[in-house]
Amino acid sequence: MAMDASEIETLIKAALPDAVVRIEDLRGDGDHYAAYVESAAFKGCSRVQQHQMVYKALKGRVGDQLHALALQTAVPKDA
């Protein structure tokens, strides 16, 4: 079962309301996405912790409804 890019964005923004989220469907199949997520909530967190926060926001859908997610995270420059 494929997942829509807007659903991914909605789930991330629900967990990280200040997040700037950009989603790209890499293959046009709804299963392989790249996501850029920028949030002040990432400040002071390691890259691994930042990614864990995003995966937690997706509520177990990675590997199931969402086959692959290339993830890039960042802290806003003004945070």
C-alpha atoms as a PDB file:
ATOM      1  CA  MET A   1       0.000   0.000   0.000  1.00  0.00           C
ATOM      2  CA  ALA A   2       1.591   3.293  -1.101  1.00  0.00           C
ATOM      3  CA  MET A   3       1.629   6.439   0.978  1.00  0.00           C
ATOM      4  CA  ASP A   4       0.848   9.922  -0.340  1.00  0.00           C
ATOM      5  CA  ALA A   5       3.446  12.704   0.064  1.00  0.00           C
ATOM      6  CA  SER A   6       0.865  14.978   1.688  1.00  0.00           C
ATOM      7  CA  GLU A   7       0.198  12.331   4.348  1.00  0.00           C
ATOM      8  CA  ILE A   8       3.918  12.154   5.146  1.00  0.00           C
ATOM      9  CA  GLU A   9       4.056  15.932   5.476  1.00  0.00           C
ATOM     10  CA  THR A  10       0.931  16.008   7.666  1.00  0.00           C
ATOM     11  CA  LEU A  11       2.325  13.402  10.062  1.00  0.00           C
ATOM     12  CA  ILE A  12       5.666  15.200  10.374  1.00  0.00           C
ATOM     13  CA  LYS A  13       4.030  18.589  10.936  1.00  0.00           C
ATOM     14  CA  ALA A  14       1.700  17.116  13.563  1.00  0.00           C
ATOM     15  CA  ALA A  15       4.748  16.041  15.579  1.00  0.00           C
ATOM     16  CA  LEU A  16       6.966  19.023  14.672  1.00  0.00           C
ATOM     17  CA  PRO A  17       4.567  21.969  14.122  1.00  0.00           C
ATOM     18  CA  ASP A  18       7.305  24.451  13.208  1.00  0.00           C
ATOM     19  CA  ALA A  19       8.851  22.136  10.622  1.00  0.00           C
ATOM     20  CA  VAL A  20       9.610  23.135   7.068  1.00  0.00           C
ATOM     21  CA  VAL A  21       8.972  19.938   5.107  1.00  0.00           C
ATOM     22  CA  ARG A  22       9.729  19.154   1.483  1.00  0.00           C
ATOM     23  CA  ILE A  23       8.835  15.741   0.088  1.00  0.00           C
ATOM     24  CA  GLU A  24       9.924  14.339  -3.271  1.00  0.00           C
ATOM     25  CA  ASP A  25       8.559  11.110  -4.760  1.00  0.00           C
ATOM     26  CA  LEU A  26      11.769   9.652  -6.156  1.00  0.00           C
ATOM     27  CA  ARG A  27      10.236   7.048  -8.473  1.00  0.00           C
ATOM     28  CA  GLY A  28       6.672   8.239  -8.901  1.00  0.00           C
ATOM     29  CA  ASP A  29       5.423   5.075  -7.213  1.00  0.00           C
ATOM     30  CA  GLY A  30       4.396   6.422  -3.793  1.00  0.00           C
ATOM     31  CA  ASP A  31       6.874   4.069  -2.114  1.00  0.00           C
ATOM     32  CA  HIS A  32      10.249   5.807  -2.454  1.00  0.00           C
ATOM     33  CA  TYR A  33      10.532   9.333  -1.079  1.00  0.00           C
ATOM     34  CA  ALA A  34      13.156  11.878  -0.149  1.00  0.00           C
ATOM     35  CA  ALA A  35      12.282  14.251   2.670  1.00  0.00           C
ATOM     36  CA  TYR A  36      13.913  17.442   3.897  1.00  0.00           C
ATOM     37  CA  VAL A  37      12.792  18.430   7.388  1.00  0.00           C
ATOM     38  CA  GLU A  38      13.968  21.590   9.147  1.00  0.00           C
ATOM     39  CA  SER A  39      12.861  22.248  12.722  1.00  0.00           C
ATOM     40  CA  ALA A  40      14.047  24.167  15.783  1.00  0.00           C
ATOM     41  CA  ALA A  41      13.153  21.026  17.758  1.00  0.00           C
ATOM     42  CA  PHE A  42      16.323  19.468  16.329  1.00  0.00           C
ATOM     43  CA  LYS A  43      18.576  22.003  18.072  1.00  0.00           C
ATOM     44  CA  GLY A  44      21.098  20.228  20.284  1.00  0.00           C
ATOM     45  CA  CYS A  45      20.198  16.807  18.873  1.00  0.00           C
ATOM     46  CA  SER A  46      22.532  14.541  16.962  1.00  0.00           C
ATOM     47  CA  ARG A  47      21.668  13.688  13.359  1.00  0.00           C
ATOM     48  CA  VAL A  48      20.564  10.227  14.545  1.00  0.00           C
ATOM     49  CA  GLN A  49      18.252  11.773  17.153  1.00  0.00           C
ATOM     50  CA  GLN A  50      16.809  14.131  14.543  1.00  0.00           C
ATOM     51  CA  HIS A  51      16.056  11.223  12.224  1.00  0.00           C
ATOM     52  CA  GLN A  52      14.535   9.246  15.090  1.00  0.00           C
ATOM     53  CA  MET A  53      12.178  12.156  15.769  1.00  0.00           C
ATOM     54  CA  VAL A  54      10.998  12.114  12.153  1.00  0.00           C
ATOM     55  CA  TYR A  55      10.600   8.314  12.102  1.00  0.00           C
ATOM     56  CA  LYS A  56       8.600   8.507  15.347  1.00  0.00           C
ATOM     57  CA  ALA A  57       6.332  11.109  13.714  1.00  0.00           C
ATOM     58  CA  LEU A  58       5.643   8.632  10.898  1.00  0.00           C
ATOM     59  CA  LYS A  59       4.218   6.187  13.461  1.00  0.00           C
ATOM     60  CA  GLY A  60       5.717   2.946  12.186  1.00  0.00           C
ATOM     61  CA  ARG A  61       4.794   3.450   8.549  1.00  0.00           C
ATOM     62  CA  VAL A  62       8.412   3.324   7.307  1.00  0.00           C
ATOM     63  CA  GLY A  63       9.055  -0.172   5.997  1.00  0.00           C
ATOM     64  CA  ASP A  64       5.312  -0.842   5.714  1.00  0.00           C
ATOM     65  CA  GLN A  65       3.211   1.749   3.870  1.00  0.00           C
ATOM     66  CA  LEU A  66       6.346   3.760   3.141  1.00  0.00           C
ATOM     67  CA  HIS A  67       8.970   1.492   1.612  1.00  0.00           C
ATOM     68  CA  ALA A  68      11.947   3.877   1.535  1.00  0.00           C
ATOM     69  CA  LEU A  69      12.677   7.354   2.864  1.00  0.00           C
ATOM     70  CA  ALA A  70      15.895   9.248   2.160  1.00  0.00           C
ATOM     71  CA  LEU A  71      15.929  11.732   5.016  1.00  0.00           C
ATOM     72  CA  GLN A  72      17.772  15.017   5.413  1.00  0.00           C
ATOM     73  CA  THR A  73      17.260  17.064   8.579  1.00  0.00           C
ATOM     74  CA  ALA A  74      18.447  20.522   9.619  1.00  0.00           C
ATOM     75  CA  VAL A  75      18.154  23.124  12.344  1.00  0.00           C
ATOM     76  CA  PRO A  76      17.024  26.577  11.147  1.00  0.00           C
ATOM     77  CA  LYS A  77      19.905  29.064  11.004  1.00  0.00           C
ATOM     78  CA  ASP A  78      18.072  31.461  13.355  1.00  0.00           C
ATOM     79  CA  ALA A  79      17.342  28.807  16.021  1.00  0.00           C
END
